[in-house]
Amino acid sequence: AIVTRLATETGEVTDELLDRYELYARGGVG
C-alpha cells in the first residue's frame, strides 16, 4: 500500500488514480 492522495476528498476514484494503478499494473508487479 502506497498512499497516492489521488482520490477525491469524499473518497471517490478519479481518472488520475486509475491512471496511476494502470501504470503499476503495466510495470509487471505480481
PDB file of all heavy atoms in Angstrom:
ATOM      1  N   ALA A   1       0.823  -1.210   0.000  1.00  0.00           N
ATOM      2  CA  ALA A   1       0.000   0.000   0.000  1.00  0.00           C
ATOM      3  C   ALA A   1       0.859   1.261   0.000  1.00  0.00           C
ATOM      4  O   ALA A   1       1.670   1.470   0.898  1.00  0.00           O
ATOM      5  CB  ALA A   1      -0.919  -0.009   1.219  1.00  0.00           C
ATOM      6  N   ILE A   2       0.687   2.084  -1.024  1.00  0.00           N
ATOM      7  CA  ILE A   2       1.338   3.388  -1.120  1.00  0.00           C
ATOM      8  C   ILE A   2       0.250   4.436  -1.283  1.00  0.00           C
ATOM      9  O   ILE A   2      -0.515   4.391  -2.245  1.00  0.00           O
ATOM     10  CB  ILE A   2       2.284   3.480  -2.330  1.00  0.00           C
ATOM     11  CG1 ILE A   2       3.344   2.378  -2.311  1.00  0.00           C
ATOM     12  CG2 ILE A   2       2.952   4.845  -2.387  1.00  0.00           C
ATOM     13  CD1 ILE A   2       4.243   2.391  -3.532  1.00  0.00           C
ATOM     14  N   VAL A   3       0.170   5.354  -0.365  1.00  0.00           N
ATOM     15  CA  VAL A   3      -0.831   6.408  -0.472  1.00  0.00           C
ATOM     16  C   VAL A   3      -0.539   7.253  -1.709  1.00  0.00           C
ATOM     17  O   VAL A   3       0.601   7.652  -1.955  1.00  0.00           O
ATOM     18  CB  VAL A   3      -0.824   7.295   0.788  1.00  0.00           C
ATOM     19  CG1 VAL A   3      -1.798   8.458   0.638  1.00  0.00           C
ATOM     20  CG2 VAL A   3      -1.191   6.471   2.015  1.00  0.00           C
ATOM     21  N   THR A   4      -1.597   7.525  -2.499  1.00  0.00           N
ATOM     22  CA  THR A   4      -1.437   8.364  -3.692  1.00  0.00           C
ATOM     23  C   THR A   4      -1.973   9.775  -3.492  1.00  0.00           C
ATOM     24  O   THR A   4      -1.531  10.698  -4.155  1.00  0.00           O
ATOM     25  CB  THR A   4      -2.175   7.748  -4.895  1.00  0.00           C
ATOM     26  OG1 THR A   4      -3.590   7.771  -4.649  1.00  0.00           O
ATOM     27  CG2 THR A   4      -1.712   6.323  -5.167  1.00  0.00           C
ATOM     28  N   ARG A   5      -2.969   9.945  -2.606  1.00  0.00           N
ATOM     29  CA  ARG A   5      -3.695  11.211  -2.444  1.00  0.00           C
ATOM     30  C   ARG A   5      -4.324  11.652  -3.763  1.00  0.00           C
ATOM     31  O   ARG A   5      -4.450  12.841  -4.047  1.00  0.00           O
ATOM     32  CB  ARG A   5      -2.777  12.321  -1.908  1.00  0.00           C
ATOM     33  CG  ARG A   5      -2.175  12.031  -0.543  1.00  0.00           C
ATOM     34  CD  ARG A   5      -3.195  12.076   0.555  1.00  0.00           C
ATOM     35  NE  ARG A   5      -2.594  11.811   1.863  1.00  0.00           N
ATOM     36  CZ  ARG A   5      -3.295  11.702   2.986  1.00  0.00           C
ATOM     37  NH1 ARG A   5      -4.608  11.821   2.957  1.00  0.00           N
ATOM     38  NH2 ARG A   5      -2.682  11.470   4.126  1.00  0.00           N
ATOM     39  N   LEU A   6      -4.757  10.668  -4.560  1.00  0.00           N
ATOM     40  CA  LEU A   6      -5.383  10.954  -5.848  1.00  0.00           C
ATOM     41  C   LEU A   6      -6.887  10.744  -5.833  1.00  0.00           C
ATOM     42  O   LEU A   6      -7.560  11.024  -6.831  1.00  0.00           O
ATOM     43  CB  LEU A   6      -4.755  10.093  -6.953  1.00  0.00           C
ATOM     44  CG  LEU A   6      -3.281  10.357  -7.248  1.00  0.00           C
ATOM     45  CD1 LEU A   6      -2.760   9.390  -8.304  1.00  0.00           C
ATOM     46  CD2 LEU A   6      -3.057  11.796  -7.683  1.00  0.00           C
ATOM     47  N   ALA A   7      -7.438  10.247  -4.727  1.00  0.00           N
ATOM     48  CA  ALA A   7      -8.886  10.148  -4.593  1.00  0.00           C
ATOM     49  C   ALA A   7      -9.466  11.530  -4.319  1.00  0.00           C
ATOM     50  O   ALA A   7      -8.740  12.483  -4.003  1.00  0.00           O
ATOM     51  CB  ALA A   7      -9.241   9.187  -3.462  1.00  0.00           C
ATOM     52  N   THR A   8     -10.782  11.651  -4.431  1.00  0.00           N
ATOM     53  CA  THR A   8     -11.425  12.915  -4.070  1.00  0.00           C
ATOM     54  C   THR A   8     -11.469  13.056  -2.551  1.00  0.00           C
ATOM     55  O   THR A   8     -11.202  12.103  -1.812  1.00  0.00           O
ATOM     56  CB  THR A   8     -12.858  12.973  -4.604  1.00  0.00           C
ATOM     57  OG1 THR A   8     -13.665  12.012  -3.900  1.00  0.00           O
ATOM     58  CG2 THR A   8     -12.906  12.667  -6.104  1.00  0.00           C
ATOM     59  N   GLU A   9     -11.836  14.231  -2.077  1.00  0.00           N
ATOM     60  CA  GLU A   9     -11.951  14.473  -0.641  1.00  0.00           C
ATOM     61  C   GLU A   9     -13.026  13.607  -0.004  1.00  0.00           C
ATOM     62  O   GLU A   9     -13.014  13.385   1.204  1.00  0.00           O
ATOM     63  CB  GLU A   9     -12.245  15.950  -0.368  1.00  0.00           C
ATOM     64  CG  GLU A   9     -11.053  16.867  -0.580  1.00  0.00           C
ATOM     65  CD  GLU A   9      -9.973  16.684   0.475  1.00  0.00           C
ATOM     66  OE1 GLU A   9     -10.314  16.337   1.625  1.00  0.00           O
ATOM     67  OE2 GLU A   9      -8.788  16.885   0.155  1.00  0.00           O
ATOM     68  N   THR A  10     -13.946  13.113  -0.816  1.00  0.00           N
ATOM     69  CA  THR A  10     -15.001  12.231  -0.299  1.00  0.00           C
ATOM     70  C   THR A  10     -14.703  10.759  -0.561  1.00  0.00           C
ATOM     71  O   THR A  10     -15.558   9.902  -0.355  1.00  0.00           O
ATOM     72  CB  THR A  10     -16.365  12.606  -0.908  1.00  0.00           C
ATOM     73  OG1 THR A  10     -16.276  12.598  -2.341  1.00  0.00           O
ATOM     74  CG2 THR A  10     -16.803  13.979  -0.433  1.00  0.00           C
ATOM     75  N   GLY A  11     -13.490  10.452  -1.022  1.00  0.00           N
ATOM     76  CA  GLY A  11     -13.061   9.063  -1.151  1.00  0.00           C
ATOM     77  C   GLY A  11     -13.404   8.376  -2.448  1.00  0.00           C
ATOM     78  O   GLY A  11     -13.358   7.137  -2.526  1.00  0.00           O
ATOM     79  N   GLU A  12     -13.732   9.136  -3.478  1.00  0.00           N
ATOM     80  CA  GLU A  12     -14.103   8.549  -4.759  1.00  0.00           C
ATOM     81  C   GLU A  12     -12.878   8.333  -5.652  1.00  0.00           C
ATOM     82  O   GLU A  12     -11.903   9.080  -5.584  1.00  0.00           O
ATOM     83  CB  GLU A  12     -15.102   9.451  -5.492  1.00  0.00           C
ATOM     84  CG  GLU A  12     -16.415   9.666  -4.764  1.00  0.00           C
ATOM     85  CD  GLU A  12     -17.350   8.476  -4.841  1.00  0.00           C
ATOM     86  OE1 GLU A  12     -17.008   7.504  -5.562  1.00  0.00           O
ATOM     87  OE2 GLU A  12     -18.416   8.515  -4.194  1.00  0.00           O
ATOM     88  N   VAL A  13     -12.969   7.327  -6.497  1.00  0.00           N
ATOM     89  CA  VAL A  13     -11.942   7.063  -7.504  1.00  0.00           C
ATOM     90  C   VAL A  13     -11.939   8.188  -8.542  1.00  0.00           C
ATOM     91  O   VAL A  13     -12.997   8.679  -8.947  1.00  0.00           O
ATOM     92  CB  VAL A  13     -12.209   5.703  -8.180  1.00  0.00           C
ATOM     93  CG1 VAL A  13     -11.297   5.495  -9.388  1.00  0.00           C
ATOM     94  CG2 VAL A  13     -12.037   4.570  -7.182  1.00  0.00           C
ATOM     95  N   THR A  14     -10.748   8.597  -8.974  1.00  0.00           N
ATOM     96  CA  THR A  14     -10.612   9.610 -10.020  1.00  0.00           C
ATOM     97  C   THR A  14      -9.876   9.023 -11.221  1.00  0.00           C
ATOM     98  O   THR A  14      -9.250   7.962 -11.127  1.00  0.00           O
ATOM     99  CB  THR A  14      -9.808  10.825  -9.510  1.00  0.00           C
ATOM    100  OG1 THR A  14      -8.470  10.377  -9.197  1.00  0.00           O
ATOM    101  CG2 THR A  14     -10.452  11.438  -8.279  1.00  0.00           C
ATOM    102  N   ASP A  15      -9.941   9.722 -12.338  1.00  0.00           N
ATOM    103  CA  ASP A  15      -9.225   9.259 -13.533  1.00  0.00           C
ATOM    104  C   ASP A  15      -7.723   9.211 -13.275  1.00  0.00           C
ATOM    105  O   ASP A  15      -7.027   8.296 -13.748  1.00  0.00           O
ATOM    106  CB  ASP A  15      -9.510  10.186 -14.711  1.00  0.00           C
ATOM    107  CG  ASP A  15     -10.929  10.023 -15.256  1.00  0.00           C
ATOM    108  OD1 ASP A  15     -11.566   8.985 -14.960  1.00  0.00           O
ATOM    109  OD2 ASP A  15     -11.405  10.942 -15.952  1.00  0.00           O
ATOM    110  N   GLU A  16      -7.210  10.176 -12.528  1.00  0.00           N
ATOM    111  CA  GLU A  16      -5.775  10.204 -12.252  1.00  0.00           C
ATOM    112  C   GLU A  16      -5.366   9.017 -11.386  1.00  0.00           C
ATOM    113  O   GLU A  16      -4.298   8.428 -11.576  1.00  0.00           O
ATOM    114  CB  GLU A  16      -5.393  11.519 -11.562  1.00  0.00           C
ATOM    115  CG  GLU A  16      -3.904  11.795 -11.564  1.00  0.00           C
ATOM    116  CD  GLU A  16      -3.555  13.190 -11.096  1.00  0.00           C
ATOM    117  OE1 GLU A  16      -4.446  13.912 -10.612  1.00  0.00           O
ATOM    118  OE2 GLU A  16      -2.370  13.560 -11.207  1.00  0.00           O
ATOM    119  N   LEU A  17      -6.227   8.635 -10.468  1.00  0.00           N
ATOM    120  CA  LEU A  17      -5.949   7.453  -9.643  1.00  0.00           C
ATOM    121  C   LEU A  17      -5.962   6.188 -10.504  1.00  0.00           C
ATOM    122  O   LEU A  17      -5.092   5.315 -10.357  1.00  0.00           O
ATOM    123  CB  LEU A  17      -6.963   7.351  -8.511  1.00  0.00           C
ATOM    124  CG  LEU A  17      -6.729   6.217  -7.503  1.00  0.00           C
ATOM    125  CD1 LEU A  17      -7.075   6.675  -6.084  1.00  0.00           C
ATOM    126  CD2 LEU A  17      -7.551   4.983  -7.836  1.00  0.00           C
ATOM    127  N   LEU A  18      -6.931   6.087 -11.412  1.00  0.00           N
ATOM    128  CA  LEU A  18      -6.969   4.937 -12.319  1.00  0.00           C
ATOM    129  C   LEU A  18      -5.699   4.864 -13.159  1.00  0.00           C
ATOM    130  O   LEU A  18      -5.136   3.777 -13.360  1.00  0.00           O
ATOM    131  CB  LEU A  18      -8.193   5.025 -13.226  1.00  0.00           C
ATOM    132  CG  LEU A  18      -9.565   4.893 -12.572  1.00  0.00           C
ATOM    133  CD1 LEU A  18     -10.664   5.113 -13.609  1.00  0.00           C
ATOM    134  CD2 LEU A  18      -9.726   3.518 -11.927  1.00  0.00           C
ATOM    135  N   ASP A  19      -5.255   6.012 -13.657  1.00  0.00           N
ATOM    136  CA  ASP A  19      -4.026   6.030 -14.461  1.00  0.00           C
ATOM    137  C   ASP A  19      -2.824   5.549 -13.645  1.00  0.00           C
ATOM    138  O   ASP A  19      -1.961   4.828 -14.165  1.00  0.00           O
ATOM    139  CB  ASP A  19      -3.761   7.447 -14.972  1.00  0.00           C
ATOM    140  CG  ASP A  19      -4.772   7.898 -16.012  1.00  0.00           C
ATOM    141  OD1 ASP A  19      -5.480   7.048 -16.578  1.00  0.00           O
ATOM    142  OD2 ASP A  19      -4.853   9.129 -16.240  1.00  0.00           O
ATOM    143  N   ARG A  20      -2.753   5.954 -12.382  1.00  0.00           N
ATOM    144  CA  ARG A  20      -1.621   5.557 -11.543  1.00  0.00           C
ATOM    145  C   ARG A  20      -1.593   4.030 -11.361  1.00  0.00           C
ATOM    146  O   ARG A  20      -0.541   3.393 -11.501  1.00  0.00           O
ATOM    147  CB  ARG A  20      -1.705   6.249 -10.189  1.00  0.00           C
ATOM    148  CG  ARG A  20      -0.608   5.842  -9.190  1.00  0.00           C
ATOM    149  CD  ARG A  20       0.776   6.347  -9.572  1.00  0.00           C
ATOM    150  NE  ARG A  20       0.823   7.802  -9.607  1.00  0.00           N
ATOM    151  CZ  ARG A  20       1.065   8.570  -8.534  1.00  0.00           C
ATOM    152  NH1 ARG A  20       1.281   8.020  -7.351  1.00  0.00           N
ATOM    153  NH2 ARG A  20       1.108   9.883  -8.660  1.00  0.00           N
ATOM    154  N   TYR A  21      -2.732   3.439 -11.058  1.00  0.00           N
ATOM    155  CA  TYR A  21      -2.748   1.993 -10.837  1.00  0.00           C
ATOM    156  C   TYR A  21      -2.571   1.216 -12.141  1.00  0.00           C
ATOM    157  O   TYR A  21      -1.995   0.120 -12.131  1.00  0.00           O
ATOM    158  CB  TYR A  21      -4.014   1.577 -10.087  1.00  0.00           C
ATOM    159  CG  TYR A  21      -3.902   1.859  -8.601  1.00  0.00           C
ATOM    160  CD1 TYR A  21      -4.454   3.006  -8.042  1.00  0.00           C
ATOM    161  CD2 TYR A  21      -3.195   1.003  -7.768  1.00  0.00           C
ATOM    162  CE1 TYR A  21      -4.320   3.282  -6.689  1.00  0.00           C
ATOM    163  CE2 TYR A  21      -3.056   1.263  -6.418  1.00  0.00           C
ATOM    164  CZ  TYR A  21      -3.617   2.412  -5.883  1.00  0.00           C
ATOM    165  OH  TYR A  21      -3.468   2.679  -4.550  1.00  0.00           O
ATOM    166  N   GLU A  22      -3.022   1.772 -13.250  1.00  0.00           N
ATOM    167  CA  GLU A  22      -2.738   1.129 -14.532  1.00  0.00           C
ATOM    168  C   GLU A  22      -1.234   1.121 -14.781  1.00  0.00           C
ATOM    169  O   GLU A  22      -0.679   0.126 -15.274  1.00  0.00           O
ATOM    170  CB  GLU A  22      -3.450   1.845 -15.675  1.00  0.00           C
ATOM    171  CG  GLU A  22      -3.102   1.220 -17.028  1.00  0.00           C
ATOM    172  CD  GLU A  22      -3.807   1.866 -18.203  1.00  0.00           C
ATOM    173  OE1 GLU A  22      -4.842   2.521 -18.003  1.00  0.00           O
ATOM    174  OE2 GLU A  22      -3.305   1.682 -19.341  1.00  0.00           O
ATOM    175  N   LEU A  23      -0.574   2.204 -14.445  1.00  0.00           N
ATOM    176  CA  LEU A  23       0.875   2.278 -14.608  1.00  0.00           C
ATOM    177  C   LEU A  23       1.567   1.191 -13.793  1.00  0.00           C
ATOM    178  O   LEU A  23       2.462   0.493 -14.285  1.00  0.00           O
ATOM    179  CB  LEU A  23       1.355   3.665 -14.172  1.00  0.00           C
ATOM    180  CG  LEU A  23       2.826   4.009 -14.378  1.00  0.00           C
ATOM    181  CD1 LEU A  23       3.182   4.006 -15.857  1.00  0.00           C
ATOM    182  CD2 LEU A  23       3.130   5.363 -13.758  1.00  0.00           C
ATOM    183  N   TYR A  24       1.140   1.028 -12.537  1.00  0.00           N
ATOM    184  CA  TYR A  24       1.716  -0.027 -11.710  1.00  0.00           C
ATOM    185  C   TYR A  24       1.468  -1.400 -12.335  1.00  0.00           C
ATOM    186  O   TYR A  24       2.358  -2.256 -12.356  1.00  0.00           O
ATOM    187  CB  TYR A  24       1.097   0.004 -10.311  1.00  0.00           C
ATOM    188  CG  TYR A  24       1.465   1.193  -9.458  1.00  0.00           C
ATOM    189  CD1 TYR A  24       0.537   1.734  -8.566  1.00  0.00           C
ATOM    190  CD2 TYR A  24       2.723   1.778  -9.523  1.00  0.00           C
ATOM    191  CE1 TYR A  24       0.863   2.816  -7.756  1.00  0.00           C
ATOM    192  CE2 TYR A  24       3.054   2.855  -8.719  1.00  0.00           C
ATOM    193  CZ  TYR A  24       2.121   3.377  -7.835  1.00  0.00           C
ATOM    194  OH  TYR A  24       2.448   4.444  -7.041  1.00  0.00           O
ATOM    195  N   ALA A  25       0.253  -1.626 -12.831  1.00  0.00           N
ATOM    196  CA  ALA A  25      -0.083  -2.933 -13.407  1.00  0.00           C
ATOM    197  C   ALA A  25       0.758  -3.224 -14.642  1.00  0.00           C
ATOM    198  O   ALA A  25       1.259  -4.339 -14.828  1.00  0.00           O
ATOM    199  CB  ALA A  25      -1.572  -2.988 -13.746  1.00  0.00           C
ATOM    200  N   ARG A  26       0.915  -2.227 -15.503  1.00  0.00           N
ATOM    201  CA  ARG A  26       1.711  -2.413 -16.715  1.00  0.00           C
ATOM    202  C   ARG A  26       3.185  -2.647 -16.392  1.00  0.00           C
ATOM    203  O   ARG A  26       3.920  -3.217 -17.202  1.00  0.00           O
ATOM    204  CB  ARG A  26       1.575  -1.190 -17.627  1.00  0.00           C
ATOM    205  CG  ARG A  26       0.217  -1.061 -18.298  1.00  0.00           C
ATOM    206  CD  ARG A  26       0.209   0.098 -19.287  1.00  0.00           C
ATOM    207  NE  ARG A  26      -1.071   0.271 -19.937  1.00  0.00           N
ATOM    208  CZ  ARG A  26      -1.466  -0.416 -21.021  1.00  0.00           C
ATOM    209  NH1 ARG A  26      -0.656  -1.322 -21.545  1.00  0.00           N
ATOM    210  NH2 ARG A  26      -2.644  -0.188 -21.562  1.00  0.00           N
ATOM    211  N   GLY A  27       3.616  -2.236 -15.232  1.00  0.00           N
ATOM    212  CA  GLY A  27       5.026  -2.359 -14.871  1.00  0.00           C
ATOM    213  C   GLY A  27       5.486  -3.760 -14.554  1.00  0.00           C
ATOM    214  O   GLY A  27       6.700  -3.996 -14.448  1.00  0.00           O
ATOM    215  N   GLY A  28       4.549  -4.694 -14.362  1.00  0.00           N
ATOM    216  CA  GLY A  28       4.937  -6.087 -14.208  1.00  0.00           C
ATOM    217  C   GLY A  28       4.916  -6.633 -12.798  1.00  0.00           C
ATOM    218  O   GLY A  28       5.371  -7.769 -12.557  1.00  0.00           O
ATOM    219  N   VAL A  29       4.386  -5.909 -11.844  1.00  0.00           N
ATOM    220  CA  VAL A  29       4.323  -6.397 -10.467  1.00  0.00           C
ATOM    221  C   VAL A  29       3.344  -7.572 -10.374  1.00  0.00           C
ATOM    222  O   VAL A  29       2.368  -7.648 -11.126  1.00  0.00           O
ATOM    223  CB  VAL A  29       3.918  -5.246  -9.514  1.00  0.00           C
ATOM    224  CG1 VAL A  29       2.459  -4.833  -9.709  1.00  0.00           C
ATOM    225  CG2 VAL A  29       4.184  -5.599  -8.072  1.00  0.00           C
ATOM    226  N   GLY A  30       3.610  -8.495  -9.445  1.00  0.00           N
ATOM    227  CA  GLY A  30       2.750  -9.666  -9.312  1.00  0.00           C
ATOM    228  C   GLY A  30       1.428  -9.376  -8.641  1.00  0.00           C
ATOM    229  O   GLY A  30       0.372  -9.862  -9.058  1.00  0.00           O
TER     230      GLY A  30
END
